[in-house]
Amino acid sequence: ASAGIPEGAIQLIPTTDREAASIMMTMNDCIDVLIPRGGRG
């Protein structure tokens, strides 16, 4: 942001609540693509 990048361009969800991830998976109006990185589950 100090170098001129718009606020909100880099955000981290500040909770470990699993519901946050579930909500994120259905935010079609805001998110264009999801990329999961992790194990099989």
PDB file of all heavy atoms in Angstrom:
ATOM      1  N   ALA A   1       0.831  -1.207   0.000  1.00  0.00           N
ATOM      2  CA  ALA A   1       0.000   0.000   0.000  1.00  0.00           C
ATOM      3  C   ALA A   1       0.865   1.256   0.000  1.00  0.00           C
ATOM      4  O   ALA A   1       0.536   2.253  -0.665  1.00  0.00           O
ATOM      5  CB  ALA A   1      -0.932  -0.012   1.207  1.00  0.00           C
ATOM      6  N   SER A   2       1.984   1.212   0.714  1.00  0.00           N
ATOM      7  CA  SER A   2       2.871   2.379   0.766  1.00  0.00           C
ATOM      8  C   SER A   2       3.489   2.684  -0.590  1.00  0.00           C
ATOM      9  O   SER A   2       3.932   3.805  -0.837  1.00  0.00           O
ATOM     10  CB  SER A   2       3.982   2.148   1.798  1.00  0.00           C
ATOM     11  OG  SER A   2       4.924   1.183   1.330  1.00  0.00           O
ATOM     12  N   ALA A   3       3.521   1.678  -1.475  1.00  0.00           N
ATOM     13  CA  ALA A   3       4.097   1.861  -2.806  1.00  0.00           C
ATOM     14  C   ALA A   3       3.042   2.169  -3.860  1.00  0.00           C
ATOM     15  O   ALA A   3       3.371   2.269  -5.052  1.00  0.00           O
ATOM     16  CB  ALA A   3       4.880   0.613  -3.201  1.00  0.00           C
ATOM     17  N   GLY A   4       1.770   2.298  -3.441  1.00  0.00           N
ATOM     18  CA  GLY A   4       0.732   2.692  -4.383  1.00  0.00           C
ATOM     19  C   GLY A   4      -0.226   1.613  -4.813  1.00  0.00           C
ATOM     20  O   GLY A   4      -1.043   1.823  -5.719  1.00  0.00           O
ATOM     21  N   ILE A   5      -0.183   0.460  -4.168  1.00  0.00           N
ATOM     22  CA  ILE A   5      -1.124  -0.623  -4.483  1.00  0.00           C
ATOM     23  C   ILE A   5      -2.431  -0.359  -3.736  1.00  0.00           C
ATOM     24  O   ILE A   5      -2.415   0.005  -2.561  1.00  0.00           O
ATOM     25  CB  ILE A   5      -0.532  -1.990  -4.085  1.00  0.00           C
ATOM     26  CG1 ILE A   5       0.740  -2.263  -4.890  1.00  0.00           C
ATOM     27  CG2 ILE A   5      -1.547  -3.107  -4.293  1.00  0.00           C
ATOM     28  CD1 ILE A   5       0.554  -2.270  -6.398  1.00  0.00           C
ATOM     29  N   PRO A   6      -3.583  -0.550  -4.383  1.00  0.00           N
ATOM     30  CA  PRO A   6      -4.872  -0.262  -3.731  1.00  0.00           C
ATOM     31  C   PRO A   6      -5.083  -1.058  -2.447  1.00  0.00           C
ATOM     32  O   PRO A   6      -4.696  -2.230  -2.356  1.00  0.00           O
ATOM     33  CB  PRO A   6      -5.905  -0.665  -4.791  1.00  0.00           C
ATOM     34  CG  PRO A   6      -5.168  -0.647  -6.089  1.00  0.00           C
ATOM     35  CD  PRO A   6      -3.754  -0.996  -5.782  1.00  0.00           C
ATOM     36  N   GLU A   7      -5.680  -0.415  -1.457  1.00  0.00           N
ATOM     37  CA  GLU A   7      -6.058  -1.109  -0.226  1.00  0.00           C
ATOM     38  C   GLU A   7      -7.013  -2.250  -0.570  1.00  0.00           C
ATOM     39  O   GLU A   7      -7.896  -2.097  -1.413  1.00  0.00           O
ATOM     40  CB  GLU A   7      -6.750  -0.143   0.738  1.00  0.00           C
ATOM     41  CG  GLU A   7      -5.870   0.988   1.248  1.00  0.00           C
ATOM     42  CD  GLU A   7      -4.939   0.545   2.366  1.00  0.00           C
ATOM     43  OE1 GLU A   7      -5.108  -0.597   2.865  1.00  0.00           O
ATOM     44  OE2 GLU A   7      -4.048   1.334   2.731  1.00  0.00           O
ATOM     45  N   GLY A   8      -6.829  -3.383   0.085  1.00  0.00           N
ATOM     46  CA  GLY A   8      -7.691  -4.537  -0.172  1.00  0.00           C
ATOM     47  C   GLY A   8      -7.152  -5.483  -1.215  1.00  0.00           C
ATOM     48  O   GLY A   8      -7.753  -6.535  -1.462  1.00  0.00           O
ATOM     49  N   ALA A   9      -6.014  -5.143  -1.832  1.00  0.00           N
ATOM     50  CA  ALA A   9      -5.448  -6.026  -2.866  1.00  0.00           C
ATOM     51  C   ALA A   9      -4.848  -7.292  -2.266  1.00  0.00           C
ATOM     52  O   ALA A   9      -4.804  -8.333  -2.926  1.00  0.00           O
ATOM     53  CB  ALA A   9      -4.392  -5.275  -3.671  1.00  0.00           C
ATOM     54  N   ILE A  10      -4.359  -7.200  -1.027  1.00  0.00           N
ATOM     55  CA  ILE A  10      -3.796  -8.370  -0.332  1.00  0.00           C
ATOM     56  C   ILE A  10      -4.485  -8.474   1.022  1.00  0.00           C
ATOM     57  O   ILE A  10      -4.325  -7.601   1.873  1.00  0.00           O
ATOM     58  CB  ILE A  10      -2.276  -8.229  -0.124  1.00  0.00           C
ATOM     59  CG1 ILE A  10      -1.552  -8.071  -1.465  1.00  0.00           C
ATOM     60  CG2 ILE A  10      -1.728  -9.434   0.646  1.00  0.00           C
ATOM     61  CD1 ILE A  10      -0.077  -7.720  -1.323  1.00  0.00           C
ATOM     62  N   GLN A  11      -5.282  -9.525   1.209  1.00  0.00           N
ATOM     63  CA  GLN A  11      -5.994  -9.705   2.469  1.00  0.00           C
ATOM     64  C   GLN A  11      -5.880 -11.142   2.947  1.00  0.00           C
ATOM     65  O   GLN A  11      -5.913 -12.082   2.150  1.00  0.00           O
ATOM     66  CB  GLN A  11      -7.474  -9.350   2.313  1.00  0.00           C
ATOM     67  CG  GLN A  11      -7.744  -7.890   1.947  1.00  0.00           C
ATOM     68  CD  GLN A  11      -9.226  -7.614   1.876  1.00  0.00           C
ATOM     69  OE1 GLN A  11      -9.891  -7.375   2.876  1.00  0.00           O
ATOM     70  NE2 GLN A  11      -9.767  -7.657   0.675  1.00  0.00           N
ATOM     71  N   LEU A  12      -5.779 -11.286   4.262  1.00  0.00           N
ATOM     72  CA  LEU A  12      -5.779 -12.603   4.902  1.00  0.00           C
ATOM     73  C   LEU A  12      -7.004 -12.703   5.796  1.00  0.00           C
ATOM     74  O   LEU A  12      -7.291 -11.775   6.565  1.00  0.00           O
ATOM     75  CB  LEU A  12      -4.516 -12.794   5.740  1.00  0.00           C
ATOM     76  CG  LEU A  12      -4.431 -14.110   6.517  1.00  0.00           C
ATOM     77  CD1 LEU A  12      -3.930 -15.236   5.606  1.00  0.00           C
ATOM     78  CD2 LEU A  12      -3.517 -13.983   7.739  1.00  0.00           C
ATOM     79  N   ILE A  13      -7.731 -13.805   5.691  1.00  0.00           N
ATOM     80  CA  ILE A  13      -8.867 -14.025   6.587  1.00  0.00           C
ATOM     81  C   ILE A  13      -8.328 -14.300   7.987  1.00  0.00           C
ATOM     82  O   ILE A  13      -7.624 -15.287   8.202  1.00  0.00           O
ATOM     83  CB  ILE A  13      -9.739 -15.195   6.086  1.00  0.00           C
ATOM     84  CG1 ILE A  13     -10.349 -14.833   4.724  1.00  0.00           C
ATOM     85  CG2 ILE A  13     -10.843 -15.508   7.088  1.00  0.00           C
ATOM     86  CD1 ILE A  13     -11.108 -15.952   4.077  1.00  0.00           C
ATOM     87  N   PRO A  14      -8.642 -13.439   8.957  1.00  0.00           N
ATOM     88  CA  PRO A  14      -7.965 -13.501  10.262  1.00  0.00           C
ATOM     89  C   PRO A  14      -8.626 -14.433  11.270  1.00  0.00           C
ATOM     90  O   PRO A  14      -8.756 -14.096  12.447  1.00  0.00           O
ATOM     91  CB  PRO A  14      -8.036 -12.043  10.732  1.00  0.00           C
ATOM     92  CG  PRO A  14      -9.333 -11.559  10.186  1.00  0.00           C
ATOM     93  CD  PRO A  14      -9.526 -12.262   8.857  1.00  0.00           C
ATOM     94  N   THR A  15      -9.068 -15.577  10.821  1.00  0.00           N
ATOM     95  CA  THR A  15      -9.724 -16.517  11.731  1.00  0.00           C
ATOM     96  C   THR A  15      -9.437 -17.938  11.297  1.00  0.00           C
ATOM     97  O   THR A  15      -9.201 -18.199  10.105  1.00  0.00           O
ATOM     98  CB  THR A  15     -11.246 -16.284  11.772  1.00  0.00           C
ATOM     99  OG1 THR A  15     -11.855 -17.273  12.616  1.00  0.00           O
ATOM    100  CG2 THR A  15     -11.857 -16.408  10.388  1.00  0.00           C
ATOM    101  N   THR A  16      -9.467 -18.858  12.253  1.00  0.00           N
ATOM    102  CA  THR A  16      -9.311 -20.280  11.931  1.00  0.00           C
ATOM    103  C   THR A  16     -10.659 -20.986  11.821  1.00  0.00           C
ATOM    104  O   THR A  16     -10.712 -22.195  11.620  1.00  0.00           O
ATOM    105  CB  THR A  16      -8.462 -20.980  13.011  1.00  0.00           C
ATOM    106  OG1 THR A  16      -9.114 -20.845  14.278  1.00  0.00           O
ATOM    107  CG2 THR A  16      -7.071 -20.373  13.082  1.00  0.00           C
ATOM    108  N   ASP A  17     -11.731 -20.230  11.940  1.00  0.00           N
ATOM    109  CA  ASP A  17     -13.082 -20.790  11.860  1.00  0.00           C
ATOM    110  C   ASP A  17     -13.288 -21.441  10.491  1.00  0.00           C
ATOM    111  O   ASP A  17     -13.141 -20.796   9.448  1.00  0.00           O
ATOM    112  CB  ASP A  17     -14.114 -19.675  12.077  1.00  0.00           C
ATOM    113  CG  ASP A  17     -15.525 -20.216  12.271  1.00  0.00           C
ATOM    114  OD1 ASP A  17     -15.829 -21.306  11.738  1.00  0.00           O
ATOM    115  OD2 ASP A  17     -16.329 -19.540  12.941  1.00  0.00           O
ATOM    116  N   ARG A  18     -13.624 -22.722  10.487  1.00  0.00           N
ATOM    117  CA  ARG A  18     -13.800 -23.432   9.213  1.00  0.00           C
ATOM    118  C   ARG A  18     -14.948 -22.875   8.390  1.00  0.00           C
ATOM    119  O   ARG A  18     -14.975 -23.015   7.166  1.00  0.00           O
ATOM    120  CB  ARG A  18     -14.015 -24.923   9.479  1.00  0.00           C
ATOM    121  CG  ARG A  18     -12.768 -25.625   9.997  1.00  0.00           C
ATOM    122  CD  ARG A  18     -12.949 -27.125  10.040  1.00  0.00           C
ATOM    123  NE  ARG A  18     -11.732 -27.794  10.465  1.00  0.00           N
ATOM    124  CZ  ARG A  18     -11.598 -29.109  10.514  1.00  0.00           C
ATOM    125  NH1 ARG A  18     -12.609 -29.889  10.157  1.00  0.00           N
ATOM    126  NH2 ARG A  18     -10.458 -29.648  10.918  1.00  0.00           N
ATOM    127  N   GLU A  19     -15.907 -22.263   9.065  1.00  0.00           N
ATOM    128  CA  GLU A  19     -17.028 -21.686   8.331  1.00  0.00           C
ATOM    129  C   GLU A  19     -16.555 -20.583   7.386  1.00  0.00           C
ATOM    130  O   GLU A  19     -17.151 -20.362   6.336  1.00  0.00           O
ATOM    131  CB  GLU A  19     -18.071 -21.127   9.303  1.00  0.00           C
ATOM    132  CG  GLU A  19     -19.352 -20.696   8.600  1.00  0.00           C
ATOM    133  CD  GLU A  19     -20.359 -20.054   9.544  1.00  0.00           C
ATOM    134  OE1 GLU A  19     -20.143 -20.088  10.769  1.00  0.00           O
ATOM    135  OE2 GLU A  19     -21.358 -19.504   9.028  1.00  0.00           O
ATOM    136  N   ALA A  20     -15.467 -19.905   7.754  1.00  0.00           N
ATOM    137  CA  ALA A  20     -14.931 -18.850   6.887  1.00  0.00           C
ATOM    138  C   ALA A  20     -14.516 -19.431   5.539  1.00  0.00           C
ATOM    139  O   ALA A  20     -14.780 -18.838   4.479  1.00  0.00           O
ATOM    140  CB  ALA A  20     -13.755 -18.162   7.564  1.00  0.00           C
ATOM    141  N   ALA A  21     -13.872 -20.594   5.566  1.00  0.00           N
ATOM    142  CA  ALA A  21     -13.474 -21.241   4.314  1.00  0.00           C
ATOM    143  C   ALA A  21     -14.704 -21.669   3.518  1.00  0.00           C
ATOM    144  O   ALA A  21     -14.734 -21.534   2.287  1.00  0.00           O
ATOM    145  CB  ALA A  21     -12.588 -22.441   4.609  1.00  0.00           C
ATOM    146  N   SER A  22     -15.728 -22.183   4.211  1.00  0.00           N
ATOM    147  CA  SER A  22     -16.950 -22.605   3.525  1.00  0.00           C
ATOM    148  C   SER A  22     -17.639 -21.418   2.853  1.00  0.00           C
ATOM    149  O   SER A  22     -18.125 -21.527   1.723  1.00  0.00           O
ATOM    150  CB  SER A  22     -17.898 -23.272   4.515  1.00  0.00           C
ATOM    151  OG  SER A  22     -17.323 -24.448   5.058  1.00  0.00           O
ATOM    152  N   ILE A  23     -17.688 -20.300   3.536  1.00  0.00           N
ATOM    153  CA  ILE A  23     -18.282 -19.095   2.962  1.00  0.00           C
ATOM    154  C   ILE A  23     -17.482 -18.652   1.738  1.00  0.00           C
ATOM    155  O   ILE A  23     -18.037 -18.303   0.689  1.00  0.00           O
ATOM    156  CB  ILE A  23     -18.351 -17.966   4.012  1.00  0.00           C
ATOM    157  CG1 ILE A  23     -19.319 -18.346   5.137  1.00  0.00           C
ATOM    158  CG2 ILE A  23     -18.776 -16.642   3.365  1.00  0.00           C
ATOM    159  CD1 ILE A  23     -19.270 -17.406   6.332  1.00  0.00           C
ATOM    160  N   MET A  24     -16.186 -18.673   1.882  1.00  0.00           N
ATOM    161  CA  MET A  24     -15.292 -18.253   0.801  1.00  0.00           C
ATOM    162  C   MET A  24     -15.528 -19.060  -0.476  1.00  0.00           C
ATOM    163  O   MET A  24     -15.457 -18.528  -1.587  1.00  0.00           O
ATOM    164  CB  MET A  24     -13.844 -18.418   1.278  1.00  0.00           C
ATOM    165  CG  MET A  24     -12.786 -17.854   0.376  1.00  0.00           C
ATOM    166  SD  MET A  24     -11.176 -18.025   1.211  1.00  0.00           S
ATOM    167  CE  MET A  24     -10.078 -17.514  -0.105  1.00  0.00           C
ATOM    168  N   MET A  25     -15.843 -20.337  -0.313  1.00  0.00           N
ATOM    169  CA  MET A  25     -16.038 -21.219  -1.467  1.00  0.00           C
ATOM    170  C   MET A  25     -17.286 -20.877  -2.280  1.00  0.00           C
ATOM    171  O   MET A  25     -17.438 -21.354  -3.413  1.00  0.00           O
ATOM    172  CB  MET A  25     -16.113 -22.677  -1.008  1.00  0.00           C
ATOM    173  CG  MET A  25     -14.830 -23.213  -0.410  1.00  0.00           C
ATOM    174  SD  MET A  25     -15.052 -24.947   0.121  1.00  0.00           S
ATOM    175  CE  MET A  25     -13.813 -25.076   1.412  1.00  0.00           C
ATOM    176  N   THR A  26     -18.177 -20.070  -1.720  1.00  0.00           N
ATOM    177  CA  THR A  26     -19.420 -19.746  -2.422  1.00  0.00           C
ATOM    178  C   THR A  26     -19.554 -18.247  -2.702  1.00  0.00           C
ATOM    179  O   THR A  26     -20.648 -17.780  -3.006  1.00  0.00           O
ATOM    180  CB  THR A  26     -20.634 -20.223  -1.605  1.00  0.00           C
ATOM    181  OG1 THR A  26     -20.622 -19.594  -0.312  1.00  0.00           O
ATOM    182  CG2 THR A  26     -20.601 -21.733  -1.425  1.00  0.00           C
ATOM    183  N   MET A  27     -18.464 -17.518  -2.629  1.00  0.00           N
ATOM    184  CA  MET A  27     -18.502 -16.069  -2.844  1.00  0.00           C
ATOM    185  C   MET A  27     -18.319 -15.728  -4.324  1.00  0.00           C
ATOM    186  O   MET A  27     -17.408 -15.012  -4.731  1.00  0.00           O
ATOM    187  CB  MET A  27     -17.445 -15.380  -1.979  1.00  0.00           C
ATOM    188  CG  MET A  27     -17.733 -15.451  -0.493  1.00  0.00           C
ATOM    189  SD  MET A  27     -16.400 -14.794   0.562  1.00  0.00           S
ATOM    190  CE  MET A  27     -16.334 -13.082   0.030  1.00  0.00           C
ATOM    191  N   ASN A  28     -19.238 -16.255  -5.147  1.00  0.00           N
ATOM    192  CA  ASN A  28     -19.125 -16.065  -6.595  1.00  0.00           C
ATOM    193  C   ASN A  28     -19.196 -14.609  -7.024  1.00  0.00           C
ATOM    194  O   ASN A  28     -18.665 -14.242  -8.077  1.00  0.00           O
ATOM    195  CB  ASN A  28     -20.236 -16.847  -7.306  1.00  0.00           C
ATOM    196  CG  ASN A  28     -20.133 -18.337  -7.091  1.00  0.00           C
ATOM    197  OD1 ASN A  28     -20.232 -18.822  -5.969  1.00  0.00           O
ATOM    198  ND2 ASN A  28     -19.925 -19.084  -8.170  1.00  0.00           N
ATOM    199  N   ASP A  29     -19.864 -13.774  -6.224  1.00  0.00           N
ATOM    200  CA  ASP A  29     -19.992 -12.368  -6.592  1.00  0.00           C
ATOM    201  C   ASP A  29     -18.700 -11.595  -6.364  1.00  0.00           C
ATOM    202  O   ASP A  29     -18.542 -10.493  -6.902  1.00  0.00           O
ATOM    203  CB  ASP A  29     -21.133 -11.709  -5.803  1.00  0.00           C
ATOM    204  CG  ASP A  29     -20.982 -11.877  -4.301  1.00  0.00           C
ATOM    205  OD1 ASP A  29     -20.288 -12.813  -3.870  1.00  0.00           O
ATOM    206  OD2 ASP A  29     -21.580 -11.079  -3.555  1.00  0.00           O
ATOM    207  N   CYS A  30     -17.778 -12.160  -5.598  1.00  0.00           N
ATOM    208  CA  CYS A  30     -16.539 -11.449  -5.267  1.00  0.00           C
ATOM    209  C   CYS A  30     -15.271 -12.154  -5.735  1.00  0.00           C
ATOM    210  O   CYS A  30     -14.281 -11.492  -6.059  1.00  0.00           O
ATOM    211  CB  CYS A  30     -16.434 -11.244  -3.755  1.00  0.00           C
ATOM    212  SG  CYS A  30     -17.745 -10.234  -3.031  1.00  0.00           S
ATOM    213  N   ILE A  31     -15.275 -13.477  -5.751  1.00  0.00           N
ATOM    214  CA  ILE A  31     -14.065 -14.247  -6.068  1.00  0.00           C
ATOM    215  C   ILE A  31     -14.216 -14.887  -7.439  1.00  0.00           C
ATOM    216  O   ILE A  31     -15.226 -15.522  -7.736  1.00  0.00           O
ATOM    217  CB  ILE A  31     -13.797 -15.315  -4.992  1.00  0.00           C
ATOM    218  CG1 ILE A  31     -13.560 -14.652  -3.626  1.00  0.00           C
ATOM    219  CG2 ILE A  31     -12.593 -16.174  -5.365  1.00  0.00           C
ATOM    220  CD1 ILE A  31     -13.390 -15.634  -2.485  1.00  0.00           C
ATOM    221  N   ASP A  32     -13.196 -14.719  -8.280  1.00  0.00           N
ATOM    222  CA  ASP A  32     -13.255 -15.245  -9.642  1.00  0.00           C
ATOM    223  C   ASP A  32     -12.749 -16.676  -9.758  1.00  0.00           C
ATOM    224  O   ASP A  32     -13.217 -17.437 -10.604  1.00  0.00           O
ATOM    225  CB  ASP A  32     -12.440 -14.338 -10.577  1.00  0.00           C
ATOM    226  CG  ASP A  32     -13.068 -12.963 -10.702  1.00  0.00           C
ATOM    227  OD1 ASP A  32     -14.086 -12.844 -11.401  1.00  0.00           O
ATOM    228  OD2 ASP A  32     -12.557 -12.016 -10.076  1.00  0.00           O
ATOM    229  N   VAL A  33     -11.782 -17.043  -8.929  1.00  0.00           N
ATOM    230  CA  VAL A  33     -11.252 -18.405  -8.966  1.00  0.00           C
ATOM    231  C   VAL A  33     -10.684 -18.757  -7.594  1.00  0.00           C
ATOM    232  O   VAL A  33     -10.142 -17.894  -6.899  1.00  0.00           O
ATOM    233  CB  VAL A  33     -10.169 -18.557 -10.065  1.00  0.00           C
ATOM    234  CG1 VAL A  33      -8.954 -17.697  -9.772  1.00  0.00           C
ATOM    235  CG2 VAL A  33      -9.760 -20.012 -10.253  1.00  0.00           C
ATOM    236  N   LEU A  34     -10.842 -20.017  -7.217  1.00  0.00           N
ATOM    237  CA  LEU A  34     -10.270 -20.537  -5.970  1.00  0.00           C
ATOM    238  C   LEU A  34      -9.118 -21.475  -6.296  1.00  0.00           C
ATOM    239  O   LEU A  34      -9.212 -22.290  -7.222  1.00  0.00           O
ATOM    240  CB  LEU A  34     -11.310 -21.328  -5.182  1.00  0.00           C
ATOM    241  CG  LEU A  34     -12.233 -20.602  -4.211  1.00  0.00           C
ATOM    242  CD1 LEU A  34     -13.215 -21.609  -3.622  1.00  0.00           C
ATOM    243  CD2 LEU A  34     -11.453 -19.918  -3.101  1.00  0.00           C
ATOM    244  N   ILE A  35      -8.055 -21.374  -5.499  1.00  0.00           N
ATOM    245  CA  ILE A  35      -6.928 -22.290  -5.647  1.00  0.00           C
ATOM    246  C   ILE A  35      -6.662 -22.939  -4.287  1.00  0.00           C
ATOM    247  O   ILE A  35      -6.239 -22.256  -3.351  1.00  0.00           O
ATOM    248  CB  ILE A  35      -5.663 -21.564  -6.137  1.00  0.00           C
ATOM    249  CG1 ILE A  35      -5.928 -20.870  -7.478  1.00  0.00           C
ATOM    250  CG2 ILE A  35      -4.503 -22.549  -6.258  1.00  0.00           C
ATOM    251  CD1 ILE A  35      -4.757 -20.059  -7.989  1.00  0.00           C
ATOM    252  N   PRO A  36      -6.946 -24.235  -4.136  1.00  0.00           N
ATOM    253  CA  PRO A  36      -6.611 -24.929  -2.883  1.00  0.00           C
ATOM    254  C   PRO A  36      -5.191 -25.475  -2.938  1.00  0.00           C
ATOM    255  O   PRO A  36      -4.765 -26.030  -3.954  1.00  0.00           O
ATOM    256  CB  PRO A  36      -7.629 -26.069  -2.840  1.00  0.00           C
ATOM    257  CG  PRO A  36      -7.905 -26.371  -4.280  1.00  0.00           C
ATOM    258  CD  PRO A  36      -7.704 -25.101  -5.056  1.00  0.00           C
ATOM    259  N   ARG A  37      -4.458 -25.317  -1.852  1.00  0.00           N
ATOM    260  CA  ARG A  37      -3.111 -25.890  -1.748  1.00  0.00           C
ATOM    261  C   ARG A  37      -3.015 -26.659  -0.446  1.00  0.00           C
ATOM    262  O   ARG A  37      -3.105 -26.067   0.632  1.00  0.00           O
ATOM    263  CB  ARG A  37      -2.038 -24.800  -1.789  1.00  0.00           C
ATOM    264  CG  ARG A  37      -1.871 -24.152  -3.139  1.00  0.00           C
ATOM    265  CD  ARG A  37      -0.618 -23.300  -3.197  1.00  0.00           C
ATOM    266  NE  ARG A  37       0.598 -24.067  -2.920  1.00  0.00           N
ATOM    267  CZ  ARG A  37       1.827 -23.576  -3.064  1.00  0.00           C
ATOM    268  NH1 ARG A  37       1.995 -22.337  -3.479  1.00  0.00           N
ATOM    269  NH2 ARG A  37       2.874 -24.314  -2.783  1.00  0.00           N
ATOM    270  N   GLY A  38      -2.879 -27.969  -0.545  1.00  0.00           N
ATOM    271  CA  GLY A  38      -2.798 -28.768   0.672  1.00  0.00           C
ATOM    272  C   GLY A  38      -2.974 -30.238   0.378  1.00  0.00           C
ATOM    273  O   GLY A  38      -2.778 -30.697  -0.747  1.00  0.00           O
ATOM    274  N   GLY A  39      -3.391 -30.986   1.386  1.00  0.00           N
ATOM    275  CA  GLY A  39      -3.539 -32.423   1.271  1.00  0.00           C
ATOM    276  C   GLY A  39      -4.820 -32.846   0.581  1.00  0.00           C
ATOM    277  O   GLY A  39      -5.658 -32.025   0.189  1.00  0.00           O
ATOM    278  N   ARG A  40      -4.958 -34.152   0.448  1.00  0.00           N
ATOM    279  CA  ARG A  40      -6.097 -34.729  -0.261  1.00  0.00           C
ATOM    280  C   ARG A  40      -7.432 -34.273   0.325  1.00  0.00           C
ATOM    281  O   ARG A  40      -8.361 -33.934  -0.405  1.00  0.00           O
ATOM    282  CB  ARG A  40      -6.006 -36.258  -0.201  1.00  0.00           C
ATOM    283  CG  ARG A  40      -7.055 -36.983  -1.020  1.00  0.00           C
ATOM    284  CD  ARG A  40      -6.944 -38.492  -0.819  1.00  0.00           C
ATOM    285  NE  ARG A  40      -5.639 -38.991  -1.195  1.00  0.00           N
ATOM    286  CZ  ARG A  40      -5.340 -39.394  -2.431  1.00  0.00           C
ATOM    287  NH1 ARG A  40      -6.247 -39.321  -3.386  1.00  0.00           N
ATOM    288  NH2 ARG A  40      -4.133 -39.866  -2.702  1.00  0.00           N
ATOM    289  N   GLY A  41      -7.533 -34.229   1.665  1.00  0.00           N
ATOM    290  CA  GLY A  41      -8.793 -33.854   2.297  1.00  0.00           C
ATOM    291  C   GLY A  41      -9.207 -32.440   1.957  1.00  0.00           C
ATOM    292  O   GLY A  41     -10.380 -32.176   1.638  1.00  0.00           O
TER     293      GLY A  41
END
